[in-house]
Amino acid sequence: DLVALVTAQKVNEKGTFTLESFVVNSGT
């Protein structure tokens, strides 16, 4: 998990868009 976190941080520098929140609804 730590390797994945650090790798993701190094690859994904802060860009144009930043996720603030989301709501997703789904059903049958």
PDB file of all heavy atoms in Angstrom:
ATOM      1  N   ASP A   1       0.840  -1.204   0.000  1.00  0.00           N
ATOM      2  CA  ASP A   1       0.000   0.000   0.000  1.00  0.00           C
ATOM      3  C   ASP A   1       0.872   1.250   0.000  1.00  0.00           C
ATOM      4  O   ASP A   1       0.592   2.224  -0.707  1.00  0.00           O
ATOM      5  CB  ASP A   1      -0.925   0.025   1.224  1.00  0.00           C
ATOM      6  CG  ASP A   1      -2.018  -1.023   1.165  1.00  0.00           C
ATOM      7  OD1 ASP A   1      -2.504  -1.313   0.065  1.00  0.00           O
ATOM      8  OD2 ASP A   1      -2.388  -1.544   2.241  1.00  0.00           O
ATOM      9  N   LEU A   2       1.933   1.240   0.819  1.00  0.00           N
ATOM     10  CA  LEU A   2       2.817   2.401   0.901  1.00  0.00           C
ATOM     11  C   LEU A   2       3.516   2.656  -0.436  1.00  0.00           C
ATOM     12  O   LEU A   2       3.618   3.801  -0.885  1.00  0.00           O
ATOM     13  CB  LEU A   2       3.863   2.199   1.997  1.00  0.00           C
ATOM     14  CG  LEU A   2       3.363   2.165   3.440  1.00  0.00           C
ATOM     15  CD1 LEU A   2       4.533   1.997   4.396  1.00  0.00           C
ATOM     16  CD2 LEU A   2       2.582   3.427   3.780  1.00  0.00           C
ATOM     17  N   VAL A   3       3.984   1.582  -1.058  1.00  0.00           N
ATOM     18  CA  VAL A   3       4.631   1.726  -2.371  1.00  0.00           C
ATOM     19  C   VAL A   3       3.654   2.337  -3.371  1.00  0.00           C
ATOM     20  O   VAL A   3       4.001   3.243  -4.136  1.00  0.00           O
ATOM     21  CB  VAL A   3       5.138   0.365  -2.880  1.00  0.00           C
ATOM     22  CG1 VAL A   3       5.584   0.464  -4.337  1.00  0.00           C
ATOM     23  CG2 VAL A   3       6.293  -0.126  -2.014  1.00  0.00           C
ATOM     24  N   ALA A   4       2.403   1.861  -3.351  1.00  0.00           N
ATOM     25  CA  ALA A   4       1.394   2.384  -4.269  1.00  0.00           C
ATOM     26  C   ALA A   4       1.102   3.859  -4.000  1.00  0.00           C
ATOM     27  O   ALA A   4       0.984   4.659  -4.928  1.00  0.00           O
ATOM     28  CB  ALA A   4       0.108   1.564  -4.152  1.00  0.00           C
ATOM     29  N   LEU A   5       1.002   4.229  -2.728  1.00  0.00           N
ATOM     30  CA  LEU A   5       0.722   5.623  -2.375  1.00  0.00           C
ATOM     31  C   LEU A   5       1.827   6.563  -2.847  1.00  0.00           C
ATOM     32  O   LEU A   5       1.566   7.601  -3.454  1.00  0.00           O
ATOM     33  CB  LEU A   5       0.562   5.759  -0.855  1.00  0.00           C
ATOM     34  CG  LEU A   5      -0.753   5.286  -0.232  1.00  0.00           C
ATOM     35  CD1 LEU A   5      -0.684   5.422   1.280  1.00  0.00           C
ATOM     36  CD2 LEU A   5      -1.921   6.087  -0.769  1.00  0.00           C
ATOM     37  N   VAL A   6       3.077   6.183  -2.568  1.00  0.00           N
ATOM     38  CA  VAL A   6       4.197   7.046  -2.927  1.00  0.00           C
ATOM     39  C   VAL A   6       4.371   7.108  -4.437  1.00  0.00           C
ATOM     40  O   VAL A   6       4.616   8.170  -5.008  1.00  0.00           O
ATOM     41  CB  VAL A   6       5.498   6.562  -2.248  1.00  0.00           C
ATOM     42  CG1 VAL A   6       6.681   7.411  -2.707  1.00  0.00           C
ATOM     43  CG2 VAL A   6       5.360   6.650  -0.740  1.00  0.00           C
ATOM     44  N   THR A   7       4.213   5.973  -5.101  1.00  0.00           N
ATOM     45  CA  THR A   7       4.334   5.952  -6.561  1.00  0.00           C
ATOM     46  C   THR A   7       3.270   6.831  -7.193  1.00  0.00           C
ATOM     47  O   THR A   7       3.538   7.600  -8.117  1.00  0.00           O
ATOM     48  CB  THR A   7       4.207   4.513  -7.091  1.00  0.00           C
ATOM     49  OG1 THR A   7       5.218   3.703  -6.505  1.00  0.00           O
ATOM     50  CG2 THR A   7       4.371   4.486  -8.603  1.00  0.00           C
ATOM     51  N   ALA A   8       2.033   6.716  -6.698  1.00  0.00           N
ATOM     52  CA  ALA A   8       0.942   7.534  -7.236  1.00  0.00           C
ATOM     53  C   ALA A   8       1.219   9.010  -7.027  1.00  0.00           C
ATOM     54  O   ALA A   8       0.962   9.844  -7.893  1.00  0.00           O
ATOM     55  CB  ALA A   8      -0.380   7.143  -6.574  1.00  0.00           C
ATOM     56  N   GLN A   9       1.762   9.358  -5.868  1.00  0.00           N
ATOM     57  CA  GLN A   9       2.049  10.758  -5.570  1.00  0.00           C
ATOM     58  C   GLN A   9       3.119  11.302  -6.513  1.00  0.00           C
ATOM     59  O   GLN A   9       3.032  12.424  -6.992  1.00  0.00           O
ATOM     60  CB  GLN A   9       2.515  10.896  -4.123  1.00  0.00           C
ATOM     61  CG  GLN A   9       2.862  12.337  -3.719  1.00  0.00           C
ATOM     62  CD  GLN A   9       3.174  12.433  -2.237  1.00  0.00           C
ATOM     63  OE1 GLN A   9       2.405  11.976  -1.402  1.00  0.00           O
ATOM     64  NE2 GLN A   9       4.312  13.013  -1.911  1.00  0.00           N
ATOM     65  N   LYS A  10       4.149  10.481  -6.794  1.00  0.00           N
ATOM     66  CA  LYS A  10       5.229  10.934  -7.651  1.00  0.00           C
ATOM     67  C   LYS A  10       4.783  11.059  -9.101  1.00  0.00           C
ATOM     68  O   LYS A  10       5.212  11.950  -9.824  1.00  0.00           O
ATOM     69  CB  LYS A  10       6.421   9.966  -7.554  1.00  0.00           C
ATOM     70  CG  LYS A  10       7.219  10.137  -6.270  1.00  0.00           C
ATOM     71  CD  LYS A  10       8.394   9.197  -6.251  1.00  0.00           C
ATOM     72  CE  LYS A  10       9.317   9.516  -5.087  1.00  0.00           C
ATOM     73  NZ  LYS A  10      10.025  10.770  -5.278  1.00  0.00           N
ATOM     74  N   VAL A  11       3.895  10.158  -9.540  1.00  0.00           N
ATOM     75  CA  VAL A  11       3.444  10.167 -10.928  1.00  0.00           C
ATOM     76  C   VAL A  11       2.386  11.233 -11.154  1.00  0.00           C
ATOM     77  O   VAL A  11       2.378  11.941 -12.152  1.00  0.00           O
ATOM     78  CB  VAL A  11       2.905   8.781 -11.327  1.00  0.00           C
ATOM     79  CG1 VAL A  11       2.261   8.826 -12.699  1.00  0.00           C
ATOM     80  CG2 VAL A  11       4.028   7.757 -11.314  1.00  0.00           C
ATOM     81  N   ASN A  12       1.457  11.362 -10.215  1.00  0.00           N
ATOM     82  CA  ASN A  12       0.317  12.256 -10.399  1.00  0.00           C
ATOM     83  C   ASN A  12       0.542  13.584  -9.671  1.00  0.00           C
ATOM     84  O   ASN A  12       0.063  13.790  -8.562  1.00  0.00           O
ATOM     85  CB  ASN A  12      -0.965  11.594  -9.867  1.00  0.00           C
ATOM     86  CG  ASN A  12      -1.229  10.251 -10.521  1.00  0.00           C
ATOM     87  OD1 ASN A  12      -0.762   9.984 -11.608  1.00  0.00           O
ATOM     88  ND2 ASN A  12      -1.983   9.405  -9.840  1.00  0.00           N
ATOM     89  N   GLU A  13       1.302  14.455 -10.300  1.00  0.00           N
ATOM     90  CA  GLU A  13       1.489  15.782  -9.711  1.00  0.00           C
ATOM     91  C   GLU A  13       0.168  16.548  -9.754  1.00  0.00           C
ATOM     92  O   GLU A  13      -0.685  16.297 -10.591  1.00  0.00           O
ATOM     93  CB  GLU A  13       2.556  16.551 -10.499  1.00  0.00           C
ATOM     94  CG  GLU A  13       3.930  15.899 -10.494  1.00  0.00           C
ATOM     95  CD  GLU A  13       4.581  15.909  -9.133  1.00  0.00           C
ATOM     96  OE1 GLU A  13       4.206  16.769  -8.319  1.00  0.00           O
ATOM     97  OE2 GLU A  13       5.451  15.058  -8.889  1.00  0.00           O
ATOM     98  N   LYS A  14       0.018  17.497  -8.861  1.00  0.00           N
ATOM     99  CA  LYS A  14      -1.209  18.288  -8.808  1.00  0.00           C
ATOM    100  C   LYS A  14      -1.416  18.985 -10.136  1.00  0.00           C
ATOM    101  O   LYS A  14      -0.529  19.645 -10.658  1.00  0.00           O
ATOM    102  CB  LYS A  14      -1.134  19.309  -7.673  1.00  0.00           C
ATOM    103  CG  LYS A  14      -2.454  20.028  -7.398  1.00  0.00           C
ATOM    104  CD  LYS A  14      -2.311  20.911  -6.184  1.00  0.00           C
ATOM    105  CE  LYS A  14      -3.606  21.640  -5.866  1.00  0.00           C
ATOM    106  NZ  LYS A  14      -4.672  20.731  -5.479  1.00  0.00           N
ATOM    107  N   GLY A  15      -2.622  18.827 -10.729  1.00  0.00           N
ATOM    108  CA  GLY A  15      -2.870  19.341 -12.065  1.00  0.00           C
ATOM    109  C   GLY A  15      -3.991  20.357 -12.107  1.00  0.00           C
ATOM    110  O   GLY A  15      -4.299  21.043 -11.137  1.00  0.00           O
ATOM    111  N   THR A  16      -4.637  20.421 -13.270  1.00  0.00           N
ATOM    112  CA  THR A  16      -5.691  21.404 -13.503  1.00  0.00           C
ATOM    113  C   THR A  16      -6.926  21.117 -12.664  1.00  0.00           C
ATOM    114  O   THR A  16      -7.592  22.039 -12.182  1.00  0.00           O
ATOM    115  CB  THR A  16      -6.070  21.395 -14.995  1.00  0.00           C
ATOM    116  OG1 THR A  16      -4.880  21.580 -15.774  1.00  0.00           O
ATOM    117  CG2 THR A  16      -7.056  22.502 -15.325  1.00  0.00           C
ATOM    118  N   PHE A  17      -7.241  19.842 -12.475  1.00  0.00           N
ATOM    119  CA  PHE A  17      -8.473  19.448 -11.782  1.00  0.00           C
ATOM    120  C   PHE A  17      -8.161  18.687 -10.495  1.00  0.00           C
ATOM    121  O   PHE A  17      -7.272  17.838 -10.468  1.00  0.00           O
ATOM    122  CB  PHE A  17      -9.335  18.568 -12.688  1.00  0.00           C
ATOM    123  CG  PHE A  17      -9.548  19.144 -14.065  1.00  0.00           C
ATOM    124  CD1 PHE A  17      -8.913  18.599 -15.168  1.00  0.00           C
ATOM    125  CD2 PHE A  17     -10.375  20.244 -14.250  1.00  0.00           C
ATOM    126  CE1 PHE A  17      -9.096  19.139 -16.437  1.00  0.00           C
ATOM    127  CE2 PHE A  17     -10.563  20.784 -15.515  1.00  0.00           C
ATOM    128  CZ  PHE A  17      -9.923  20.233 -16.608  1.00  0.00           C
ATOM    129  N   THR A  18      -8.932  18.975  -9.439  1.00  0.00           N
ATOM    130  CA  THR A  18      -8.797  18.268  -8.168  1.00  0.00           C
ATOM    131  C   THR A  18     -10.176  17.814  -7.713  1.00  0.00           C
ATOM    132  O   THR A  18     -11.115  18.627  -7.663  1.00  0.00           O
ATOM    133  CB  THR A  18      -8.180  19.172  -7.087  1.00  0.00           C
ATOM    134  OG1 THR A  18      -6.923  19.674  -7.546  1.00  0.00           O
ATOM    135  CG2 THR A  18      -7.981  18.406  -5.789  1.00  0.00           C
ATOM    136  N   LEU A  19     -10.290  16.533  -7.390  1.00  0.00           N
ATOM    137  CA  LEU A  19     -11.573  16.005  -6.922  1.00  0.00           C
ATOM    138  C   LEU A  19     -11.879  16.543  -5.533  1.00  0.00           C
ATOM    139  O   LEU A  19     -11.081  16.432  -4.613  1.00  0.00           O
ATOM    140  CB  LEU A  19     -11.532  14.469  -6.884  1.00  0.00           C
ATOM    141  CG  LEU A  19     -12.779  13.779  -6.339  1.00  0.00           C
ATOM    142  CD1 LEU A  19     -13.987  14.035  -7.228  1.00  0.00           C
ATOM    143  CD2 LEU A  19     -12.528  12.276  -6.172  1.00  0.00           C
ATOM    144  N   GLU A  20     -13.066  17.147  -5.385  1.00  0.00           N
ATOM    145  CA  GLU A  20     -13.511  17.632  -4.072  1.00  0.00           C
ATOM    146  C   GLU A  20     -14.493  16.660  -3.432  1.00  0.00           C
ATOM    147  O   GLU A  20     -14.369  16.330  -2.256  1.00  0.00           O
ATOM    148  CB  GLU A  20     -14.148  19.023  -4.217  1.00  0.00           C
ATOM    149  CG  GLU A  20     -13.149  20.125  -4.512  1.00  0.00           C
ATOM    150  CD  GLU A  20     -13.749  21.504  -4.311  1.00  0.00           C
ATOM    151  OE1 GLU A  20     -14.979  21.607  -4.064  1.00  0.00           O
ATOM    152  OE2 GLU A  20     -12.997  22.498  -4.411  1.00  0.00           O
ATOM    153  N   SER A  21     -15.496  16.225  -4.203  1.00  0.00           N
ATOM    154  CA  SER A  21     -16.474  15.281  -3.651  1.00  0.00           C
ATOM    155  C   SER A  21     -17.250  14.626  -4.783  1.00  0.00           C
ATOM    156  O   SER A  21     -17.228  15.102  -5.919  1.00  0.00           O
ATOM    157  CB  SER A  21     -17.450  15.993  -2.704  1.00  0.00           C
ATOM    158  OG  SER A  21     -18.232  16.938  -3.426  1.00  0.00           O
ATOM    159  N   PHE A  22     -17.926  13.552  -4.452  1.00  0.00           N
ATOM    160  CA  PHE A  22     -18.780  12.893  -5.443  1.00  0.00           C
ATOM    161  C   PHE A  22     -19.924  12.179  -4.739  1.00  0.00           C
ATOM    162  O   PHE A  22     -19.802  11.744  -3.584  1.00  0.00           O
ATOM    163  CB  PHE A  22     -17.981  11.905  -6.307  1.00  0.00           C
ATOM    164  CG  PHE A  22     -17.536  10.669  -5.573  1.00  0.00           C
ATOM    165  CD1 PHE A  22     -18.309   9.505  -5.560  1.00  0.00           C
ATOM    166  CD2 PHE A  22     -16.318  10.652  -4.891  1.00  0.00           C
ATOM    167  CE1 PHE A  22     -17.891   8.373  -4.885  1.00  0.00           C
ATOM    168  CE2 PHE A  22     -15.899   9.518  -4.209  1.00  0.00           C
ATOM    169  CZ  PHE A  22     -16.683   8.376  -4.204  1.00  0.00           C
ATOM    170  N   VAL A  23     -21.043  12.056  -5.454  1.00  0.00           N
ATOM    171  CA  VAL A  23     -22.178  11.261  -4.998  1.00  0.00           C
ATOM    172  C   VAL A  23     -22.647  10.450  -6.197  1.00  0.00           C
ATOM    173  O   VAL A  23     -22.924  11.003  -7.268  1.00  0.00           O
ATOM    174  CB  VAL A  23     -23.337  12.133  -4.485  1.00  0.00           C
ATOM    175  CG1 VAL A  23     -24.533  11.249  -4.116  1.00  0.00           C
ATOM    176  CG2 VAL A  23     -22.911  12.955  -3.281  1.00  0.00           C
ATOM    177  N   VAL A  24     -22.719   9.147  -6.024  1.00  0.00           N
ATOM    178  CA  VAL A  24     -23.149   8.267  -7.106  1.00  0.00           C
ATOM    179  C   VAL A  24     -24.290   7.400  -6.599  1.00  0.00           C
ATOM    180  O   VAL A  24     -24.197   6.798  -5.519  1.00  0.00           O
ATOM    181  CB  VAL A  24     -21.991   7.369  -7.602  1.00  0.00           C
ATOM    182  CG1 VAL A  24     -22.486   6.390  -8.653  1.00  0.00           C
ATOM    183  CG2 VAL A  24     -20.868   8.222  -8.187  1.00  0.00           C
ATOM    184  N   ASN A  25     -25.394   7.354  -7.353  1.00  0.00           N
ATOM    185  CA  ASN A  25     -26.536   6.507  -7.017  1.00  0.00           C
ATOM    186  C   ASN A  25     -26.750   5.488  -8.122  1.00  0.00           C
ATOM    187  O   ASN A  25     -26.695   5.815  -9.313  1.00  0.00           O
ATOM    188  CB  ASN A  25     -27.803   7.347  -6.866  1.00  0.00           C
ATOM    189  CG  ASN A  25     -27.723   8.280  -5.666  1.00  0.00           C
ATOM    190  OD1 ASN A  25     -27.450   7.845  -4.556  1.00  0.00           O
ATOM    191  ND2 ASN A  25     -27.944   9.568  -5.893  1.00  0.00           N
ATOM    192  N   SER A  26     -27.030   4.241  -7.705  1.00  0.00           N
ATOM    193  CA  SER A  26     -27.248   3.181  -8.686  1.00  0.00           C
ATOM    194  C   SER A  26     -28.121   2.099  -8.079  1.00  0.00           C
ATOM    195  O   SER A  26     -28.148   1.921  -6.843  1.00  0.00           O
ATOM    196  CB  SER A  26     -25.900   2.588  -9.118  1.00  0.00           C
ATOM    197  OG  SER A  26     -26.074   1.604 -10.092  1.00  0.00           O
ATOM    198  N   GLY A  27     -28.848   1.405  -8.907  1.00  0.00           N
ATOM    199  CA  GLY A  27     -29.715   0.326  -8.414  1.00  0.00           C
ATOM    200  C   GLY A  27     -30.157  -0.561  -9.554  1.00  0.00           C
ATOM    201  O   GLY A  27     -29.857  -0.297 -10.728  1.00  0.00           O
ATOM    202  N   THR A  28     -30.924  -1.611  -9.195  1.00  0.00           N
ATOM    203  CA  THR A  28     -31.317  -2.580 -10.219  1.00  0.00           C
ATOM    204  C   THR A  28     -32.366  -2.044 -11.180  1.00  0.00           C
ATOM    205  O   THR A  28     -32.396  -2.424 -12.344  1.00  0.00           O
ATOM    206  CB  THR A  28     -31.847  -3.865  -9.551  1.00  0.00           C
ATOM    207  OG1 THR A  28     -32.903  -3.508  -8.642  1.00  0.00           O
ATOM    208  CG2 THR A  28     -30.740  -4.589  -8.815  1.00  0.00           C
TER     209      THR A  28
END
